[in-house]
Amino acid sequence: MNTITAYKCNHCGYIMYPNHMRCLNCNERDFEAITPEGKAELVTYTIVNELPWGIDERGRVLGIVKFENGVKALGLILVDDPKIGMKLSAGWQPVRVIGGQKTYGLSLSKA
């Protein structure tokens, strides 16, 4: 996996992704950079049928996953029949094309 960096508050241990200026839990400003580890568990998902102009795909599945070390992130779910609690493998790949350029993001497929 590549390019996802979450931040763990050195004061209370709260994990944030993406980063914020202050901890969302205790308002401190001291963080440690961490990366997702292990398999991702699907926490929730939605199926988007009305996407912005330029994306001709319908039924795109977006989901929030939680990694084994507590990092939570939003990504593109690449499974036909997603189920809450299923284990997924994470990758970093193009998730759409905007103006002829690939946009990379978190993609999740069956473990």
PDB file of N, CA and C in Angstrom:
ATOM      1  N   MET A   1       0.831  -1.170   0.000  1.00  0.00           N
ATOM      2  CA  MET A   1       0.000   0.000   0.000  1.00  0.00           C
ATOM      3  C   MET A   1       0.880   1.239   0.000  1.00  0.00           C
ATOM      4  N   ASN A   2       0.329   2.351  -0.381  1.00  0.00           N
ATOM      5  CA  ASN A   2       1.126   3.528  -0.641  1.00  0.00           C
ATOM      6  C   ASN A   2       0.338   4.776  -0.253  1.00  0.00           C
ATOM      7  N   THR A   3       0.975   5.833   0.044  1.00  0.00           N
ATOM      8  CA  THR A   3       0.492   7.201   0.187  1.00  0.00           C
ATOM      9  C   THR A   3      -0.585   7.506   1.232  1.00  0.00           C
ATOM     10  N   ILE A   4      -1.111   6.567   1.962  1.00  0.00           N
ATOM     11  CA  ILE A   4      -2.051   6.939   3.016  1.00  0.00           C
ATOM     12  C   ILE A   4      -1.269   7.112   4.304  1.00  0.00           C
ATOM     13  N   THR A   5      -1.389   8.297   4.875  1.00  0.00           N
ATOM     14  CA  THR A   5      -0.758   8.563   6.160  1.00  0.00           C
ATOM     15  C   THR A   5      -1.831   9.068   7.104  1.00  0.00           C
ATOM     16  N   ALA A   6      -1.997   8.395   8.204  1.00  0.00           N
ATOM     17  CA  ALA A   6      -2.911   8.828   9.253  1.00  0.00           C
ATOM     18  C   ALA A   6      -2.058   9.423  10.372  1.00  0.00           C
ATOM     19  N   TYR A   7      -2.708  10.029  11.332  1.00  0.00           N
ATOM     20  CA  TYR A   7      -1.987  10.682  12.413  1.00  0.00           C
ATOM     21  C   TYR A   7      -2.579  10.279  13.750  1.00  0.00           C
ATOM     22  N   LYS A   8      -1.688   9.881  14.658  1.00  0.00           N
ATOM     23  CA  LYS A   8      -2.091   9.450  15.991  1.00  0.00           C
ATOM     24  C   LYS A   8      -1.672  10.528  16.987  1.00  0.00           C
ATOM     25  N   CYS A   9      -2.615  10.992  17.796  1.00  0.00           N
ATOM     26  CA  CYS A   9      -2.344  12.014  18.800  1.00  0.00           C
ATOM     27  C   CYS A   9      -1.421  11.430  19.867  1.00  0.00           C
ATOM     28  N   ASN A  10      -0.328  12.109  20.130  1.00  0.00           N
ATOM     29  CA  ASN A  10       0.604  11.650  21.147  1.00  0.00           C
ATOM     30  C   ASN A  10       0.096  11.896  22.560  1.00  0.00           C
ATOM     31  N   HIS A  11      -0.989  12.649  22.685  1.00  0.00           N
ATOM     32  CA  HIS A  11      -1.555  12.927  24.002  1.00  0.00           C
ATOM     33  C   HIS A  11      -2.620  11.900  24.401  1.00  0.00           C
ATOM     34  N   CYS A  12      -3.587  11.660  23.500  1.00  0.00           N
ATOM     35  CA  CYS A  12      -4.709  10.769  23.860  1.00  0.00           C
ATOM     36  C   CYS A  12      -4.779   9.492  23.027  1.00  0.00           C
ATOM     37  N   GLY A  13      -3.989   9.395  21.928  1.00  0.00           N
ATOM     38  CA  GLY A  13      -3.984   8.192  21.098  1.00  0.00           C
ATOM     39  C   GLY A  13      -5.034   8.162  20.009  1.00  0.00           C
ATOM     40  N   TYR A  14      -5.829   9.227  19.874  1.00  0.00           N
ATOM     41  CA  TYR A  14      -6.871   9.277  18.844  1.00  0.00           C
ATOM     42  C   TYR A  14      -6.218   9.259  17.456  1.00  0.00           C
ATOM     43  N   ILE A  15      -6.773   8.464  16.544  1.00  0.00           N
ATOM     44  CA  ILE A  15      -6.226   8.346  15.190  1.00  0.00           C
ATOM     45  C   ILE A  15      -7.104   9.122  14.217  1.00  0.00           C
ATOM     46  N   MET A  16      -6.458   9.973  13.414  1.00  0.00           N
ATOM     47  CA  MET A  16      -7.186  10.806  12.461  1.00  0.00           C
ATOM     48  C   MET A  16      -6.670  10.571  11.048  1.00  0.00           C
ATOM     49  N   TYR A  17      -7.576  10.475  10.115  1.00  0.00           N
ATOM     50  CA  TYR A  17      -7.257  10.465   8.698  1.00  0.00           C
ATOM     51  C   TYR A  17      -8.403  11.170   7.993  1.00  0.00           C
ATOM     52  N   PRO A  18      -8.150  12.242   7.306  1.00  0.00           N
ATOM     53  CA  PRO A  18      -6.862  12.891   7.109  1.00  0.00           C
ATOM     54  C   PRO A  18      -6.453  13.696   8.350  1.00  0.00           C
ATOM     55  N   ASN A  19      -5.310  14.365   8.227  1.00  0.00           N
ATOM     56  CA  ASN A  19      -4.756  15.132   9.332  1.00  0.00           C
ATOM     57  C   ASN A  19      -5.572  16.400   9.599  1.00  0.00           C
ATOM     58  N   HIS A  20      -5.559  16.823  10.835  1.00  0.00           N
ATOM     59  CA  HIS A  20      -6.174  18.090  11.248  1.00  0.00           C
ATOM     60  C   HIS A  20      -5.146  18.872  12.049  1.00  0.00           C
ATOM     61  N   MET A  21      -5.345  20.147  12.190  1.00  0.00           N
ATOM     62  CA  MET A  21      -4.405  20.987  12.946  1.00  0.00           C
ATOM     63  C   MET A  21      -4.380  20.620  14.429  1.00  0.00           C
ATOM     64  N   ARG A  22      -5.524  20.234  14.951  1.00  0.00           N
ATOM     65  CA  ARG A  22      -5.651  19.836  16.352  1.00  0.00           C
ATOM     66  C   ARG A  22      -6.335  18.487  16.424  1.00  0.00           C
ATOM     67  N   CYS A  23      -6.048  17.754  17.476  1.00  0.00           N
ATOM     68  CA  CYS A  23      -6.714  16.466  17.690  1.00  0.00           C
ATOM     69  C   CYS A  23      -8.215  16.689  17.828  1.00  0.00           C
ATOM     70  N   LEU A  24      -8.986  15.912  17.126  1.00  0.00           N
ATOM     71  CA  LEU A  24     -10.442  16.031  17.186  1.00  0.00           C
ATOM     72  C   LEU A  24     -11.005  15.574  18.524  1.00  0.00           C
ATOM     73  N   ASN A  25     -10.187  14.885  19.311  1.00  0.00           N
ATOM     74  CA  ASN A  25     -10.629  14.365  20.603  1.00  0.00           C
ATOM     75  C   ASN A  25     -10.217  15.260  21.773  1.00  0.00           C
ATOM     76  N   CYS A  26      -8.943  15.731  21.768  1.00  0.00           N
ATOM     77  CA  CYS A  26      -8.452  16.462  22.947  1.00  0.00           C
ATOM     78  C   CYS A  26      -7.871  17.842  22.631  1.00  0.00           C
ATOM     79  N   ASN A  27      -7.850  18.234  21.364  1.00  0.00           N
ATOM     80  CA  ASN A  27      -7.359  19.540  20.902  1.00  0.00           C
ATOM     81  C   ASN A  27      -5.845  19.733  20.996  1.00  0.00           C
ATOM     82  N   GLU A  28      -5.081  18.709  21.295  1.00  0.00           N
ATOM     83  CA  GLU A  28      -3.629  18.825  21.312  1.00  0.00           C
ATOM     84  C   GLU A  28      -3.105  18.902  19.875  1.00  0.00           C
ATOM     85  N   ARG A  29      -1.809  19.244  19.712  1.00  0.00           N
ATOM     86  CA  ARG A  29      -1.228  19.430  18.378  1.00  0.00           C
ATOM     87  C   ARG A  29      -0.029  18.543  18.093  1.00  0.00           C
ATOM     88  N   ASP A  30       0.241  17.571  18.914  1.00  0.00           N
ATOM     89  CA  ASP A  30       1.420  16.726  18.750  1.00  0.00           C
ATOM     90  C   ASP A  30       0.994  15.365  18.202  1.00  0.00           C
ATOM     91  N   PHE A  31       1.461  15.019  16.986  1.00  0.00           N
ATOM     92  CA  PHE A  31       1.021  13.807  16.310  1.00  0.00           C
ATOM     93  C   PHE A  31       2.185  12.936  15.857  1.00  0.00           C
ATOM     94  N   GLU A  32       1.896  11.671  15.683  1.00  0.00           N
ATOM     95  CA  GLU A  32       2.829  10.712  15.103  1.00  0.00           C
ATOM     96  C   GLU A  32       2.198  10.204  13.807  1.00  0.00           C
ATOM     97  N   ALA A  33       2.952  10.216  12.720  1.00  0.00           N
ATOM     98  CA  ALA A  33       2.447   9.704  11.443  1.00  0.00           C
ATOM     99  C   ALA A  33       2.432   8.178  11.495  1.00  0.00           C
ATOM    100  N   ILE A  34       1.310   7.581  11.083  1.00  0.00           N
ATOM    101  CA  ILE A  34       1.201   6.124  11.015  1.00  0.00           C
ATOM    102  C   ILE A  34       0.583   5.736   9.684  1.00  0.00           C
ATOM    103  N   THR A  35       0.810   4.498   9.265  1.00  0.00           N
ATOM    104  CA  THR A  35       0.215   3.994   8.036  1.00  0.00           C
ATOM    105  C   THR A  35      -0.722   2.849   8.369  1.00  0.00           C
ATOM    106  N   PRO A  36      -1.714   2.607   7.534  1.00  0.00           N
ATOM    107  CA  PRO A  36      -2.621   1.479   7.763  1.00  0.00           C
ATOM    108  C   PRO A  36      -1.855   0.168   7.762  1.00  0.00           C
ATOM    109  N   GLU A  37      -2.261  -0.741   8.631  1.00  0.00           N
ATOM    110  CA  GLU A  37      -1.608  -2.047   8.692  1.00  0.00           C
ATOM    111  C   GLU A  37      -2.647  -3.149   8.694  1.00  0.00           C
ATOM    112  N   GLY A  38      -2.315  -4.254   8.028  1.00  0.00           N
ATOM    113  CA  GLY A  38      -3.177  -5.428   8.025  1.00  0.00           C
ATOM    114  C   GLY A  38      -4.363  -5.304   7.086  1.00  0.00           C
ATOM    115  N   LYS A  39      -5.282  -6.221   7.238  1.00  0.00           N
ATOM    116  CA  LYS A  39      -6.503  -6.216   6.434  1.00  0.00           C
ATOM    117  C   LYS A  39      -7.426  -5.097   6.896  1.00  0.00           C
ATOM    118  N   ALA A  40      -8.316  -4.708   6.021  1.00  0.00           N
ATOM    119  CA  ALA A  40      -9.302  -3.676   6.326  1.00  0.00           C
ATOM    120  C   ALA A  40     -10.664  -4.343   6.508  1.00  0.00           C
ATOM    121  N   GLU A  41     -11.397  -3.910   7.507  1.00  0.00           N
ATOM    122  CA  GLU A  41     -12.753  -4.416   7.739  1.00  0.00           C
ATOM    123  C   GLU A  41     -13.750  -3.357   7.287  1.00  0.00           C
ATOM    124  N   LEU A  42     -14.723  -3.755   6.480  1.00  0.00           N
ATOM    125  CA  LEU A  42     -15.718  -2.823   5.980  1.00  0.00           C
ATOM    126  C   LEU A  42     -16.662  -2.412   7.114  1.00  0.00           C
ATOM    127  N   VAL A  43     -16.666  -1.118   7.443  1.00  0.00           N
ATOM    128  CA  VAL A  43     -17.486  -0.584   8.528  1.00  0.00           C
ATOM    129  C   VAL A  43     -18.866  -0.185   8.009  1.00  0.00           C
ATOM    130  N   THR A  44     -18.874   0.504   6.864  1.00  0.00           N
ATOM    131  CA  THR A  44     -20.126   0.923   6.238  1.00  0.00           C
ATOM    132  C   THR A  44     -19.845   1.240   4.770  1.00  0.00           C
ATOM    133  N   TYR A  45     -20.887   1.283   3.964  1.00  0.00           N
ATOM    134  CA  TYR A  45     -20.701   1.609   2.547  1.00  0.00           C
ATOM    135  C   TYR A  45     -21.970   2.216   1.983  1.00  0.00           C
ATOM    136  N   THR A  46     -21.832   2.824   0.820  1.00  0.00           N
ATOM    137  CA  THR A  46     -22.971   3.361   0.092  1.00  0.00           C
ATOM    138  C   THR A  46     -22.741   3.121  -1.389  1.00  0.00           C
ATOM    139  N   ILE A  47     -23.824   3.015  -2.131  1.00  0.00           N
ATOM    140  CA  ILE A  47     -23.753   2.856  -3.580  1.00  0.00           C
ATOM    141  C   ILE A  47     -24.185   4.174  -4.204  1.00  0.00           C
ATOM    142  N   VAL A  48     -23.292   4.763  -4.981  1.00  0.00           N
ATOM    143  CA  VAL A  48     -23.539   6.069  -5.583  1.00  0.00           C
ATOM    144  C   VAL A  48     -23.948   5.868  -7.033  1.00  0.00           C
ATOM    145  N   ASN A  49     -25.154   6.289  -7.363  1.00  0.00           N
ATOM    146  CA  ASN A  49     -25.653   6.145  -8.733  1.00  0.00           C
ATOM    147  C   ASN A  49     -25.584   7.434  -9.528  1.00  0.00           C
ATOM    148  N   GLU A  50     -25.578   8.564  -8.860  1.00  0.00           N
ATOM    149  CA  GLU A  50     -25.506   9.862  -9.545  1.00  0.00           C
ATOM    150  C   GLU A  50     -24.158  10.494  -9.247  1.00  0.00           C
ATOM    151  N   LEU A  51     -23.220  10.271 -10.158  1.00  0.00           N
ATOM    152  CA  LEU A  51     -21.870  10.777  -9.983  1.00  0.00           C
ATOM    153  C   LEU A  51     -21.685  12.084 -10.738  1.00  0.00           C
ATOM    154  N   PRO A  52     -20.642  12.856 -10.395  1.00  0.00           N
ATOM    155  CA  PRO A  52     -20.403  14.129 -11.071  1.00  0.00           C
ATOM    156  C   PRO A  52     -20.170  13.960 -12.563  1.00  0.00           C
ATOM    157  N   TRP A  53     -20.338  15.050 -13.293  1.00  0.00           N
ATOM    158  CA  TRP A  53     -20.098  15.068 -14.723  1.00  0.00           C
ATOM    159  C   TRP A  53     -18.696  14.551 -14.986  1.00  0.00           C
ATOM    160  N   GLY A  54     -18.556  13.739 -16.010  1.00  0.00           N
ATOM    161  CA  GLY A  54     -17.260  13.213 -16.392  1.00  0.00           C
ATOM    162  C   GLY A  54     -16.984  11.813 -15.888  1.00  0.00           C
ATOM    163  N   ILE A  55     -17.811  11.334 -14.986  1.00  0.00           N
ATOM    164  CA  ILE A  55     -17.670   9.961 -14.509  1.00  0.00           C
ATOM    165  C   ILE A  55     -18.879   9.200 -15.024  1.00  0.00           C
ATOM    166  N   ASP A  56     -18.655   8.329 -15.979  1.00  0.00           N
ATOM    167  CA  ASP A  56     -19.751   7.645 -16.647  1.00  0.00           C
ATOM    168  C   ASP A  56     -20.166   6.343 -15.973  1.00  0.00           C
ATOM    169  N   GLU A  57     -19.653   6.095 -14.830  1.00  0.00           N
ATOM    170  CA  GLU A  57     -19.942   4.855 -14.113  1.00  0.00           C
ATOM    171  C   GLU A  57     -21.149   5.058 -13.194  1.00  0.00           C
ATOM    172  N   ARG A  58     -21.971   4.036 -13.099  1.00  0.00           N
ATOM    173  CA  ARG A  58     -23.096   4.060 -12.163  1.00  0.00           C
ATOM    174  C   ARG A  58     -22.928   2.904 -11.202  1.00  0.00           C
ATOM    175  N   GLY A  59     -23.421   3.070  -9.995  1.00  0.00           N
ATOM    176  CA  GLY A  59     -23.336   2.000  -9.027  1.00  0.00           C
ATOM    177  C   GLY A  59     -21.970   1.883  -8.371  1.00  0.00           C
ATOM    178  N   ARG A  60     -21.245   2.971  -8.309  1.00  0.00           N
ATOM    179  CA  ARG A  60     -19.920   2.975  -7.666  1.00  0.00           C
ATOM    180  C   ARG A  60     -20.114   2.796  -6.166  1.00  0.00           C
ATOM    181  N   VAL A  61     -19.345   1.882  -5.583  1.00  0.00           N
ATOM    182  CA  VAL A  61     -19.483   1.585  -4.161  1.00  0.00           C
ATOM    183  C   VAL A  61     -18.338   2.251  -3.398  1.00  0.00           C
ATOM    184  N   LEU A  62     -18.695   3.129  -2.482  1.00  0.00           N
ATOM    185  CA  LEU A  62     -17.724   3.790  -1.617  1.00  0.00           C
ATOM    186  C   LEU A  62     -17.938   3.281  -0.201  1.00  0.00           C
ATOM    187  N   GLY A  63     -16.859   3.046   0.513  1.00  0.00           N
ATOM    188  CA  GLY A  63     -16.995   2.513   1.855  1.00  0.00           C
ATOM    189  C   GLY A  63     -15.951   3.034   2.809  1.00  0.00           C
ATOM    190  N   ILE A  64     -16.263   2.940   4.083  1.00  0.00           N
ATOM    191  CA  ILE A  64     -15.318   3.261   5.137  1.00  0.00           C
ATOM    192  C   ILE A  64     -14.830   1.949   5.711  1.00  0.00           C
ATOM    193  N   VAL A  65     -13.515   1.835   5.805  1.00  0.00           N
ATOM    194  CA  VAL A  65     -12.899   0.628   6.348  1.00  0.00           C
ATOM    195  C   VAL A  65     -12.067   0.984   7.570  1.00  0.00           C
ATOM    196  N   LYS A  66     -11.866  -0.021   8.416  1.00  0.00           N
ATOM    197  CA  LYS A  66     -11.008   0.146   9.589  1.00  0.00           C
ATOM    198  C   LYS A  66      -9.911  -0.901   9.505  1.00  0.00           C
ATOM    199  N   PHE A  67      -8.660  -0.440   9.528  1.00  0.00           N
ATOM    200  CA  PHE A  67      -7.519  -1.335   9.478  1.00  0.00           C
ATOM    201  C   PHE A  67      -7.231  -1.903  10.865  1.00  0.00           C
ATOM    202  N   GLU A  68      -6.411  -2.937  10.910  1.00  0.00           N
ATOM    203  CA  GLU A  68      -6.117  -3.627  12.157  1.00  0.00           C
ATOM    204  C   GLU A  68      -5.480  -2.718  13.210  1.00  0.00           C
ATOM    205  N   ASN A  69      -4.776  -1.658  12.784  1.00  0.00           N
ATOM    206  CA  ASN A  69      -4.175  -0.752  13.756  1.00  0.00           C
ATOM    207  C   ASN A  69      -5.048   0.463  14.065  1.00  0.00           C
ATOM    208  N   GLY A  70      -6.329   0.424  13.684  1.00  0.00           N
ATOM    209  CA  GLY A  70      -7.274   1.472  14.051  1.00  0.00           C
ATOM    210  C   GLY A  70      -7.469   2.578  13.047  1.00  0.00           C
ATOM    211  N   VAL A  71      -6.676   2.638  11.987  1.00  0.00           N
ATOM    212  CA  VAL A  71      -6.832   3.674  10.965  1.00  0.00           C
ATOM    213  C   VAL A  71      -8.138   3.435  10.210  1.00  0.00           C
ATOM    214  N   LYS A  72      -8.950   4.483  10.082  1.00  0.00           N
ATOM    215  CA  LYS A  72     -10.178   4.422   9.289  1.00  0.00           C
ATOM    216  C   LYS A  72      -9.995   5.285   8.055  1.00  0.00           C
ATOM    217  N   ALA A  73     -10.494   4.804   6.903  1.00  0.00           N
ATOM    218  CA  ALA A  73     -10.329   5.542   5.659  1.00  0.00           C
ATOM    219  C   ALA A  73     -11.491   5.245   4.709  1.00  0.00           C
ATOM    220  N   LEU A  74     -11.723   6.176   3.802  1.00  0.00           N
ATOM    221  CA  LEU A  74     -12.743   6.045   2.768  1.00  0.00           C
ATOM    222  C   LEU A  74     -12.077   5.544   1.501  1.00  0.00           C
ATOM    223  N   GLY A  75     -12.712   4.579   0.832  1.00  0.00           N
ATOM    224  CA  GLY A  75     -12.135   4.065  -0.397  1.00  0.00           C
ATOM    225  C   GLY A  75     -13.179   3.505  -1.338  1.00  0.00           C
ATOM    226  N   LEU A  76     -12.723   3.173  -2.527  1.00  0.00           N
ATOM    227  CA  LEU A  76     -13.560   2.569  -3.560  1.00  0.00           C
ATOM    228  C   LEU A  76     -13.602   1.067  -3.324  1.00  0.00           C
ATOM    229  N   ILE A  77     -14.787   0.508  -3.154  1.00  0.00           N
ATOM    230  CA  ILE A  77     -14.967  -0.915  -2.877  1.00  0.00           C
ATOM    231  C   ILE A  77     -15.132  -1.641  -4.208  1.00  0.00           C
ATOM    232  N   LEU A  78     -14.251  -2.594  -4.470  1.00  0.00           N
ATOM    233  CA  LEU A  78     -14.243  -3.314  -5.752  1.00  0.00           C
ATOM    234  C   LEU A  78     -14.720  -4.753  -5.579  1.00  0.00           C
ATOM    235  N   VAL A  79     -15.847  -4.933  -4.915  1.00  0.00           N
ATOM    236  CA  VAL A  79     -16.452  -6.259  -4.770  1.00  0.00           C
ATOM    237  C   VAL A  79     -17.896  -6.168  -5.239  1.00  0.00           C
ATOM    238  N   ASP A  80     -18.422  -7.274  -5.756  1.00  0.00           N
ATOM    239  CA  ASP A  80     -19.769  -7.273  -6.305  1.00  0.00           C
ATOM    240  C   ASP A  80     -20.855  -7.216  -5.238  1.00  0.00           C
ATOM    241  N   ASP A  81     -20.631  -7.850  -4.106  1.00  0.00           N
ATOM    242  CA  ASP A  81     -21.658  -7.951  -3.079  1.00  0.00           C
ATOM    243  C   ASP A  81     -21.065  -7.599  -1.709  1.00  0.00           C
ATOM    244  N   PRO A  82     -20.854  -6.290  -1.437  1.00  0.00           N
ATOM    245  CA  PRO A  82     -20.215  -5.919  -0.175  1.00  0.00           C
ATOM    246  C   PRO A  82     -21.094  -6.264   1.032  1.00  0.00           C
ATOM    247  N   LYS A  83     -20.441  -6.627   2.109  1.00  0.00           N
ATOM    248  CA  LYS A  83     -21.126  -6.954   3.364  1.00  0.00           C
ATOM    249  C   LYS A  83     -20.380  -6.265   4.505  1.00  0.00           C
ATOM    250  N   ILE A  84     -21.113  -5.627   5.385  1.00  0.00           N
ATOM    251  CA  ILE A  84     -20.517  -5.018   6.567  1.00  0.00           C
ATOM    252  C   ILE A  84     -19.743  -6.094   7.324  1.00  0.00           C
ATOM    253  N   GLY A  85     -18.528  -5.764   7.721  1.00  0.00           N
ATOM    254  CA  GLY A  85     -17.695  -6.697   8.468  1.00  0.00           C
ATOM    255  C   GLY A  85     -16.762  -7.535   7.616  1.00  0.00           C
ATOM    256  N   MET A  86     -16.936  -7.507   6.287  1.00  0.00           N
ATOM    257  CA  MET A  86     -16.056  -8.332   5.446  1.00  0.00           C
ATOM    258  C   MET A  86     -14.637  -7.782   5.455  1.00  0.00           C
ATOM    259  N   LYS A  87     -13.669  -8.677   5.310  1.00  0.00           N
ATOM    260  CA  LYS A  87     -12.256  -8.304   5.271  1.00  0.00           C
ATOM    261  C   LYS A  87     -11.862  -7.985   3.838  1.00  0.00           C
ATOM    262  N   LEU A  88     -11.123  -6.905   3.675  1.00  0.00           N
ATOM    263  CA  LEU A  88     -10.709  -6.443   2.357  1.00  0.00           C
ATOM    264  C   LEU A  88      -9.210  -6.173   2.334  1.00  0.00           C
ATOM    265  N   SER A  89      -8.616  -6.296   1.159  1.00  0.00           N
ATOM    266  CA  SER A  89      -7.220  -5.934   0.939  1.00  0.00           C
ATOM    267  C   SER A  89      -7.197  -4.553   0.312  1.00  0.00           C
ATOM    268  N   ALA A  90      -6.269  -3.729   0.752  1.00  0.00           N
ATOM    269  CA  ALA A  90      -6.202  -2.347   0.283  1.00  0.00           C
ATOM    270  C   ALA A  90      -5.095  -2.166  -0.742  1.00  0.00           C
ATOM    271  N   GLY A  91      -5.345  -1.268  -1.679  1.00  0.00           N
ATOM    272  CA  GLY A  91      -4.363  -0.907  -2.680  1.00  0.00           C
ATOM    273  C   GLY A  91      -4.481   0.559  -3.024  1.00  0.00           C
ATOM    274  N   TRP A  92      -3.513   1.069  -3.744  1.00  0.00           N
ATOM    275  CA  TRP A  92      -3.517   2.465  -4.190  1.00  0.00           C
ATOM    276  C   TRP A  92      -3.435   2.431  -5.697  1.00  0.00           C
ATOM    277  N   GLN A  93      -4.504   2.852  -6.367  1.00  0.00           N
ATOM    278  CA  GLN A  93      -4.551   2.764  -7.826  1.00  0.00           C
ATOM    279  C   GLN A  93      -5.452   3.855  -8.373  1.00  0.00           C
ATOM    280  N   PRO A  94      -5.465   4.035  -9.683  1.00  0.00           N
ATOM    281  CA  PRO A  94      -6.371   5.031 -10.258  1.00  0.00           C
ATOM    282  C   PRO A  94      -7.821   4.674  -9.936  1.00  0.00           C
ATOM    283  N   VAL A  95      -8.569   5.660  -9.446  1.00  0.00           N
ATOM    284  CA  VAL A  95      -9.974   5.426  -9.125  1.00  0.00           C
ATOM    285  C   VAL A  95     -10.913   6.199 -10.040  1.00  0.00           C
ATOM    286  N   ARG A  96     -10.352   7.143 -10.807  1.00  0.00           N
ATOM    287  CA  ARG A  96     -11.128   7.854 -11.817  1.00  0.00           C
ATOM    288  C   ARG A  96     -10.188   8.663 -12.690  1.00  0.00           C
ATOM    289  N   VAL A  97     -10.712   9.180 -13.791  1.00  0.00           N
ATOM    290  CA  VAL A  97      -9.936  10.017 -14.703  1.00  0.00           C
ATOM    291  C   VAL A  97     -10.638  11.361 -14.789  1.00  0.00           C
ATOM    292  N   ILE A  98      -9.884  12.428 -14.542  1.00  0.00           N
ATOM    293  CA  ILE A  98     -10.431  13.785 -14.604  1.00  0.00           C
ATOM    294  C   ILE A  98      -9.583  14.587 -15.579  1.00  0.00           C
ATOM    295  N   GLY A  99     -10.216  15.110 -16.597  1.00  0.00           N
ATOM    296  CA  GLY A  99      -9.491  15.891 -17.597  1.00  0.00           C
ATOM    297  C   GLY A  99      -8.353  15.120 -18.242  1.00  0.00           C
ATOM    298  N   GLY A 100      -8.538  13.821 -18.424  1.00  0.00           N
ATOM    299  CA  GLY A 100      -7.538  12.990 -19.054  1.00  0.00           C
ATOM    300  C   GLY A 100      -6.422  12.528 -18.126  1.00  0.00           C
ATOM    301  N   GLN A 101      -6.474  12.948 -16.855  1.00  0.00           N
ATOM    302  CA  GLN A 101      -5.441  12.542 -15.905  1.00  0.00           C
ATOM    303  C   GLN A 101      -6.017  11.597 -14.861  1.00  0.00           C
ATOM    304  N   LYS A 102      -5.241  10.571 -14.552  1.00  0.00           N
ATOM    305  CA  LYS A 102      -5.664   9.598 -13.557  1.00  0.00           C
ATOM    306  C   LYS A 102      -5.593  10.203 -12.156  1.00  0.00           C
ATOM    307  N   THR A 103      -6.620   9.924 -11.367  1.00  0.00           N
ATOM    308  CA  THR A 103      -6.645  10.323  -9.970  1.00  0.00           C
ATOM    309  C   THR A 103      -6.543   9.058  -9.143  1.00  0.00           C
ATOM    310  N   TYR A 104      -5.545   9.001  -8.286  1.00  0.00           N
ATOM    311  CA  TYR A 104      -5.294   7.802  -7.485  1.00  0.00           C
ATOM    312  C   TYR A 104      -6.024   7.886  -6.151  1.00  0.00           C
ATOM    313  N   GLY A 105      -6.371   6.726  -5.632  1.00  0.00           N
ATOM    314  CA  GLY A 105      -7.042   6.665  -4.349  1.00  0.00           C
ATOM    315  C   GLY A 105      -7.016   5.263  -3.781  1.00  0.00           C
ATOM    316  N   LEU A 106      -7.587   5.135  -2.620  1.00  0.00           N
ATOM    317  CA  LEU A 106      -7.656   3.853  -1.931  1.00  0.00           C
ATOM    318  C   LEU A 106      -8.680   2.974  -2.621  1.00  0.00           C
ATOM    319  N   SER A 107      -8.260   1.766  -2.975  1.00  0.00           N
ATOM    320  CA  SER A 107      -9.183   0.786  -3.561  1.00  0.00           C
ATOM    321  C   SER A 107      -9.133  -0.467  -2.692  1.00  0.00           C
ATOM    322  N   LEU A 108     -10.282  -1.080  -2.541  1.00  0.00           N
ATOM    323  CA  LEU A 108     -10.400  -2.239  -1.647  1.00  0.00           C
ATOM    324  C   LEU A 108     -11.052  -3.389  -2.375  1.00  0.00           C
ATOM    325  N   SER A 109     -10.410  -4.545  -2.297  1.00  0.00           N
ATOM    326  CA  SER A 109     -10.920  -5.737  -2.959  1.00  0.00           C
ATOM    327  C   SER A 109     -10.942  -6.884  -1.960  1.00  0.00           C
ATOM    328  N   LYS A 110     -11.529  -8.024  -2.375  1.00  0.00           N
ATOM    329  CA  LYS A 110     -11.622  -9.165  -1.479  1.00  0.00           C
ATOM    330  C   LYS A 110     -10.255  -9.600  -0.994  1.00  0.00           C
ATOM    331  N   ALA A 111     -10.204  -9.933   0.284  1.00  0.00           N
ATOM    332  CA  ALA A 111      -8.933 -10.352   0.899  1.00  0.00           C
ATOM    333  C   ALA A 111      -8.533 -11.727   0.404  1.00  0.00           C
TER     334      ALA A 111
END
